[in-house]
Amino acid sequence: MTGFLGRPSVSGIRWVARILGTLLGLLLLAEFIEWLTGTRPPATPRDYLLAVGWLLIISGFVVGWFKELAASLLVLGGTALVSAIRLLPPGGEWPWPIFIVTAILSFLFLYVHLASRGKYTQ
């Protein structure tokens, strides 16, 4: 797989994941702040679990600038938590799945990076 993905491509994957994560993190942070200070502040355990999930995703985007694996796991864990909470009644609303894209890009970067260094061979 690394035959056609050279060093510039690996760096490009990393930067696309970082920039996309930063933009999505800022958008999510704005939504989170609006949700906290809105007309109906969080009051139920469901609301607090949603807040934990959103904070996991936001922290994953921040950590993504330093550690790709930890960031991917935080984003995927937060998305899974938010998805589980939102799909339970009376929810029924699917959260934005675009967050998973940054986690996939980070995993792809790690795979290509390790394969190019010879640490991941089949």
N, C-alpha and C. Protein backbone atom coordinates (compact mmCIF):
# COMPACT_ATOMS: atom_id res chain seq x y z
N MET A 1 0.82 -1.20 0.00
CA MET A 1 0.00 0.00 0.00
C MET A 1 0.86 1.26 0.00
N THR A 2 2.03 1.17 0.58
CA THR A 2 2.85 2.37 0.67
C THR A 2 3.62 2.63 -0.61
N GLY A 3 3.51 1.75 -1.59
CA GLY A 3 4.22 1.96 -2.84
C GLY A 3 3.76 3.22 -3.56
N PHE A 4 2.47 3.49 -3.51
CA PHE A 4 1.97 4.69 -4.18
C PHE A 4 1.76 5.85 -3.21
N LEU A 5 1.87 5.59 -1.92
CA LEU A 5 1.75 6.66 -0.93
C LEU A 5 3.14 6.97 -0.39
N GLY A 6 3.74 7.99 -0.93
CA GLY A 6 5.07 8.37 -0.48
C GLY A 6 5.01 9.23 0.76
N ARG A 7 6.13 9.76 1.13
CA ARG A 7 6.22 10.59 2.32
C ARG A 7 5.35 11.84 2.26
N PRO A 8 5.28 12.55 1.12
CA PRO A 8 4.38 13.71 1.07
C PRO A 8 2.92 13.33 1.27
N SER A 9 2.51 12.15 0.78
CA SER A 9 1.13 11.72 0.95
C SER A 9 0.82 11.44 2.42
N VAL A 10 1.75 10.83 3.11
CA VAL A 10 1.56 10.56 4.53
C VAL A 10 1.40 11.86 5.29
N SER A 11 2.24 12.82 4.99
CA SER A 11 2.13 14.12 5.64
C SER A 11 0.82 14.81 5.27
N GLY A 12 0.38 14.63 4.03
CA GLY A 12 -0.89 15.22 3.59
C GLY A 12 -2.07 14.64 4.33
N ILE A 13 -2.07 13.31 4.54
CA ILE A 13 -3.15 12.67 5.29
C ILE A 13 -3.19 13.23 6.71
N ARG A 14 -2.02 13.37 7.32
CA ARG A 14 -1.96 13.88 8.68
C ARG A 14 -2.51 15.30 8.76
N TRP A 15 -2.13 16.16 7.81
CA TRP A 15 -2.58 17.54 7.85
C TRP A 15 -4.05 17.69 7.51
N VAL A 16 -4.55 16.86 6.61
CA VAL A 16 -6.00 16.90 6.32
C VAL A 16 -6.78 16.51 7.57
N ALA A 17 -6.33 15.47 8.27
CA ALA A 17 -7.00 15.05 9.50
C ALA A 17 -6.93 16.15 10.57
N ARG A 18 -5.79 16.79 10.70
CA ARG A 18 -5.64 17.86 11.70
C ARG A 18 -6.52 19.06 11.38
N ILE A 19 -6.50 19.50 10.13
CA ILE A 19 -7.28 20.69 9.76
C ILE A 19 -8.77 20.40 9.83
N LEU A 20 -9.19 19.24 9.32
CA LEU A 20 -10.60 18.87 9.39
C LEU A 20 -11.04 18.73 10.85
N GLY A 21 -10.20 18.13 11.67
CA GLY A 21 -10.50 18.01 13.10
C GLY A 21 -10.61 19.35 13.79
N THR A 22 -9.74 20.29 13.43
CA THR A 22 -9.80 21.62 14.03
C THR A 22 -11.08 22.35 13.63
N LEU A 23 -11.43 22.29 12.36
CA LEU A 23 -12.65 22.95 11.90
C LEU A 23 -13.89 22.32 12.53
N LEU A 24 -13.95 21.00 12.54
CA LEU A 24 -15.09 20.33 13.16
C LEU A 24 -15.12 20.56 14.67
N GLY A 25 -13.95 20.60 15.28
CA GLY A 25 -13.89 20.87 16.72
C GLY A 25 -14.41 22.25 17.07
N LEU A 26 -14.06 23.25 16.26
CA LEU A 26 -14.56 24.60 16.51
C LEU A 26 -16.08 24.68 16.31
N LEU A 27 -16.57 24.00 15.27
CA LEU A 27 -18.01 23.96 15.04
C LEU A 27 -18.72 23.27 16.19
N LEU A 28 -18.18 22.14 16.62
CA LEU A 28 -18.79 21.40 17.72
C LEU A 28 -18.70 22.17 19.03
N LEU A 29 -17.60 22.86 19.25
CA LEU A 29 -17.46 23.67 20.47
C LEU A 29 -18.49 24.79 20.50
N ALA A 30 -18.72 25.43 19.36
CA ALA A 30 -19.75 26.48 19.29
C ALA A 30 -21.13 25.90 19.57
N GLU A 31 -21.43 24.75 18.98
CA GLU A 31 -22.72 24.08 19.23
C GLU A 31 -22.84 23.68 20.70
N PHE A 32 -21.76 23.18 21.27
CA PHE A 32 -21.77 22.75 22.67
C PHE A 32 -22.02 23.92 23.61
N ILE A 33 -21.34 25.04 23.35
CA ILE A 33 -21.54 26.22 24.20
C ILE A 33 -22.96 26.74 24.06
N GLU A 34 -23.47 26.76 22.83
CA GLU A 34 -24.86 27.20 22.64
C GLU A 34 -25.82 26.27 23.36
N TRP A 35 -25.54 24.98 23.32
CA TRP A 35 -26.41 24.00 23.99
C TRP A 35 -26.38 24.19 25.50
N LEU A 36 -25.18 24.47 26.06
CA LEU A 36 -25.07 24.67 27.51
C LEU A 36 -25.76 25.94 27.98
N THR A 37 -25.67 26.99 27.17
CA THR A 37 -26.21 28.28 27.59
C THR A 37 -27.57 28.57 26.95
N GLY A 38 -28.18 27.60 26.33
CA GLY A 38 -29.45 27.78 25.62
C GLY A 38 -30.63 27.96 26.55
N THR A 39 -31.80 27.93 25.95
CA THR A 39 -33.03 28.13 26.71
C THR A 39 -33.34 26.96 27.63
N ARG A 40 -32.90 25.77 27.27
CA ARG A 40 -33.11 24.59 28.10
C ARG A 40 -31.76 23.99 28.46
N PRO A 41 -31.16 24.43 29.56
CA PRO A 41 -29.84 23.90 29.93
C PRO A 41 -29.93 22.41 30.28
N PRO A 42 -28.82 21.71 30.23
CA PRO A 42 -28.84 20.28 30.56
C PRO A 42 -29.26 20.04 31.99
N ALA A 43 -30.17 19.09 32.18
CA ALA A 43 -30.66 18.84 33.53
C ALA A 43 -30.81 17.35 33.84
N THR A 44 -30.89 16.52 32.83
CA THR A 44 -31.12 15.09 33.04
C THR A 44 -29.81 14.32 32.89
N PRO A 45 -29.78 13.10 33.42
CA PRO A 45 -28.59 12.27 33.22
C PRO A 45 -28.27 12.05 31.74
N ARG A 46 -29.29 11.97 30.91
CA ARG A 46 -29.10 11.82 29.46
C ARG A 46 -28.33 13.02 28.91
N ASP A 47 -28.69 14.22 29.36
CA ASP A 47 -28.00 15.43 28.92
C ASP A 47 -26.53 15.42 29.33
N TYR A 48 -26.29 14.98 30.55
CA TYR A 48 -24.90 14.94 31.02
C TYR A 48 -24.07 13.89 30.28
N LEU A 49 -24.68 12.76 29.94
CA LEU A 49 -23.96 11.76 29.15
C LEU A 49 -23.67 12.28 27.74
N LEU A 50 -24.61 13.02 27.16
CA LEU A 50 -24.35 13.66 25.87
C LEU A 50 -23.19 14.64 25.97
N ALA A 51 -23.17 15.40 27.06
CA ALA A 51 -22.09 16.37 27.26
C ALA A 51 -20.74 15.65 27.35
N VAL A 52 -20.70 14.53 28.03
CA VAL A 52 -19.45 13.75 28.13
C VAL A 52 -19.03 13.28 26.74
N GLY A 53 -19.98 12.80 25.95
CA GLY A 53 -19.65 12.35 24.60
C GLY A 53 -19.11 13.48 23.73
N TRP A 54 -19.77 14.64 23.78
CA TRP A 54 -19.30 15.79 22.99
C TRP A 54 -17.91 16.23 23.45
N LEU A 55 -17.68 16.22 24.76
CA LEU A 55 -16.36 16.62 25.27
C LEU A 55 -15.28 15.61 24.86
N LEU A 56 -15.63 14.33 24.80
CA LEU A 56 -14.67 13.33 24.31
C LEU A 56 -14.29 13.62 22.86
N ILE A 57 -15.27 13.96 22.04
CA ILE A 57 -14.99 14.26 20.63
C ILE A 57 -14.13 15.51 20.52
N ILE A 58 -14.49 16.56 21.25
CA ILE A 58 -13.71 17.81 21.20
C ILE A 58 -12.28 17.56 21.68
N SER A 59 -12.13 16.82 22.77
CA SER A 59 -10.77 16.54 23.26
C SER A 59 -10.00 15.67 22.27
N GLY A 60 -10.69 14.80 21.56
CA GLY A 60 -10.03 14.01 20.52
C GLY A 60 -9.48 14.88 19.41
N PHE A 61 -10.21 15.93 19.04
CA PHE A 61 -9.73 16.83 18.01
C PHE A 61 -8.50 17.61 18.50
N VAL A 62 -8.48 17.95 19.77
CA VAL A 62 -7.32 18.66 20.32
C VAL A 62 -6.11 17.72 20.39
N VAL A 63 -6.32 16.52 20.88
CA VAL A 63 -5.24 15.54 21.01
C VAL A 63 -4.72 15.13 19.63
N GLY A 64 -5.54 15.25 18.60
CA GLY A 64 -5.15 14.88 17.25
C GLY A 64 -3.95 15.62 16.71
N TRP A 65 -3.62 16.74 17.30
CA TRP A 65 -2.43 17.48 16.87
C TRP A 65 -1.15 16.83 17.38
N PHE A 66 -1.27 15.92 18.35
CA PHE A 66 -0.09 15.33 18.96
C PHE A 66 -0.03 13.81 18.82
N LYS A 67 -1.14 13.14 19.08
CA LYS A 67 -1.19 11.67 19.08
C LYS A 67 -2.39 11.20 18.26
N GLU A 68 -2.13 10.57 17.13
CA GLU A 68 -3.21 10.18 16.23
C GLU A 68 -4.05 9.03 16.78
N LEU A 69 -3.43 8.03 17.37
CA LEU A 69 -4.17 6.88 17.86
C LEU A 69 -5.10 7.28 19.01
N ALA A 70 -4.57 8.04 19.97
CA ALA A 70 -5.40 8.48 21.09
C ALA A 70 -6.56 9.35 20.60
N ALA A 71 -6.27 10.22 19.64
CA ALA A 71 -7.32 11.09 19.09
C ALA A 71 -8.40 10.27 18.41
N SER A 72 -8.00 9.28 17.63
CA SER A 72 -8.98 8.44 16.93
C SER A 72 -9.87 7.71 17.93
N LEU A 73 -9.26 7.18 18.97
CA LEU A 73 -10.04 6.45 19.96
C LEU A 73 -10.99 7.37 20.73
N LEU A 74 -10.55 8.58 21.05
CA LEU A 74 -11.43 9.53 21.72
C LEU A 74 -12.61 9.93 20.83
N VAL A 75 -12.33 10.22 19.57
CA VAL A 75 -13.41 10.62 18.66
C VAL A 75 -14.38 9.47 18.44
N LEU A 76 -13.87 8.27 18.21
CA LEU A 76 -14.75 7.12 18.01
C LEU A 76 -15.54 6.79 19.28
N GLY A 77 -14.91 6.86 20.44
CA GLY A 77 -15.61 6.61 21.69
C GLY A 77 -16.69 7.64 21.97
N GLY A 78 -16.37 8.91 21.75
CA GLY A 78 -17.36 9.96 21.94
C GLY A 78 -18.51 9.85 20.97
N THR A 79 -18.21 9.52 19.71
CA THR A 79 -19.27 9.35 18.71
C THR A 79 -20.15 8.16 19.05
N ALA A 80 -19.54 7.08 19.53
CA ALA A 80 -20.32 5.90 19.92
C ALA A 80 -21.24 6.23 21.10
N LEU A 81 -20.72 6.97 22.08
CA LEU A 81 -21.54 7.33 23.24
C LEU A 81 -22.69 8.24 22.83
N VAL A 82 -22.40 9.26 22.04
CA VAL A 82 -23.45 10.17 21.60
C VAL A 82 -24.48 9.44 20.74
N SER A 83 -24.01 8.55 19.88
CA SER A 83 -24.92 7.80 19.02
C SER A 83 -25.83 6.91 19.85
N ALA A 84 -25.27 6.23 20.84
CA ALA A 84 -26.07 5.35 21.69
C ALA A 84 -27.12 6.15 22.46
N ILE A 85 -26.73 7.29 22.99
CA ILE A 85 -27.67 8.10 23.77
C ILE A 85 -28.74 8.70 22.86
N ARG A 86 -28.33 9.22 21.72
CA ARG A 86 -29.29 9.86 20.81
C ARG A 86 -30.27 8.89 20.19
N LEU A 87 -29.88 7.64 20.00
CA LEU A 87 -30.77 6.68 19.36
C LEU A 87 -31.75 6.03 20.34
N LEU A 88 -31.51 6.21 21.64
CA LEU A 88 -32.45 5.71 22.63
C LEU A 88 -33.70 6.59 22.65
N PRO A 89 -34.84 6.01 22.98
CA PRO A 89 -36.05 6.86 23.08
C PRO A 89 -35.87 7.88 24.17
N PRO A 90 -36.34 9.07 24.06
CA PRO A 90 -37.14 9.68 23.02
C PRO A 90 -36.31 10.34 21.93
N GLY A 91 -35.06 9.96 21.78
CA GLY A 91 -34.16 10.59 20.81
C GLY A 91 -34.54 10.33 19.37
N GLY A 92 -33.93 9.33 18.78
CA GLY A 92 -34.20 9.01 17.40
C GLY A 92 -33.44 9.85 16.40
N GLU A 93 -32.55 10.69 16.86
CA GLU A 93 -31.78 11.57 15.97
C GLU A 93 -30.34 11.06 15.89
N TRP A 94 -29.85 10.86 14.68
CA TRP A 94 -28.48 10.39 14.48
C TRP A 94 -27.53 11.57 14.52
N PRO A 95 -26.45 11.52 15.30
CA PRO A 95 -25.51 12.65 15.33
C PRO A 95 -24.72 12.75 14.04
N TRP A 96 -24.00 13.79 13.91
CA TRP A 96 -23.21 14.03 12.70
C TRP A 96 -22.14 12.97 12.55
N PRO A 97 -22.22 12.09 11.55
CA PRO A 97 -21.21 11.05 11.41
C PRO A 97 -19.91 11.54 10.79
N ILE A 98 -19.82 12.82 10.44
CA ILE A 98 -18.60 13.35 9.82
C ILE A 98 -17.41 13.26 10.76
N PHE A 99 -17.67 13.19 12.06
CA PHE A 99 -16.57 13.11 13.02
C PHE A 99 -15.76 11.84 12.82
N ILE A 100 -16.41 10.80 12.35
CA ILE A 100 -15.73 9.53 12.15
C ILE A 100 -14.68 9.65 11.04
N VAL A 101 -14.88 10.58 10.10
CA VAL A 101 -13.94 10.76 8.99
C VAL A 101 -12.55 11.12 9.52
N THR A 102 -12.49 12.01 10.51
CA THR A 102 -11.18 12.39 11.05
C THR A 102 -10.51 11.21 11.75
N ALA A 103 -11.29 10.39 12.43
CA ALA A 103 -10.72 9.21 13.09
C ALA A 103 -10.18 8.23 12.05
N ILE A 104 -10.91 8.05 10.96
CA ILE A 104 -10.46 7.14 9.90
C ILE A 104 -9.18 7.68 9.25
N LEU A 105 -9.12 8.99 9.02
CA LEU A 105 -7.91 9.57 8.45
C LEU A 105 -6.71 9.39 9.38
N SER A 106 -6.94 9.53 10.68
CA SER A 106 -5.85 9.34 11.63
C SER A 106 -5.37 7.89 11.65
N PHE A 107 -6.32 6.94 11.61
CA PHE A 107 -5.93 5.53 11.53
C PHE A 107 -5.17 5.25 10.23
N LEU A 108 -5.63 5.83 9.12
CA LEU A 108 -4.95 5.65 7.84
C LEU A 108 -3.53 6.20 7.89
N PHE A 109 -3.38 7.38 8.49
CA PHE A 109 -2.03 7.95 8.64
C PHE A 109 -1.14 7.01 9.44
N LEU A 110 -1.64 6.50 10.56
CA LEU A 110 -0.82 5.61 11.38
C LEU A 110 -0.42 4.35 10.62
N TYR A 111 -1.37 3.77 9.89
CA TYR A 111 -1.06 2.56 9.14
C TYR A 111 0.02 2.83 8.09
N VAL A 112 -0.16 3.89 7.32
CA VAL A 112 0.79 4.19 6.25
C VAL A 112 2.15 4.58 6.85
N HIS A 113 2.13 5.33 7.93
CA HIS A 113 3.37 5.75 8.57
C HIS A 113 4.15 4.53 9.10
N LEU A 114 3.46 3.65 9.78
CA LEU A 114 4.14 2.47 10.32
C LEU A 114 4.58 1.52 9.21
N ALA A 115 3.78 1.41 8.16
CA ALA A 115 4.16 0.55 7.04
C ALA A 115 5.38 1.09 6.31
N SER A 116 5.47 2.41 6.20
CA SER A 116 6.63 3.00 5.51
C SER A 116 7.90 2.84 6.33
N ARG A 117 7.77 2.70 7.63
CA ARG A 117 8.94 2.49 8.48
C ARG A 117 9.26 1.01 8.64
N GLY A 118 8.43 0.15 8.05
CA GLY A 118 8.68 -1.29 8.12
C GLY A 118 8.24 -1.94 9.40
N LYS A 119 7.47 -1.24 10.24
CA LYS A 119 7.03 -1.81 11.50
C LYS A 119 5.72 -2.59 11.36
N TYR A 120 5.07 -2.41 10.24
CA TYR A 120 3.81 -3.14 10.03
C TYR A 120 3.92 -3.91 8.74
N THR A 121 4.27 -5.15 8.85
CA THR A 121 4.41 -5.99 7.66
C THR A 121 3.47 -7.17 7.79
N GLN A 122 3.02 -7.64 6.65
CA GLN A 122 2.09 -8.77 6.68
C GLN A 122 2.79 -10.04 6.29
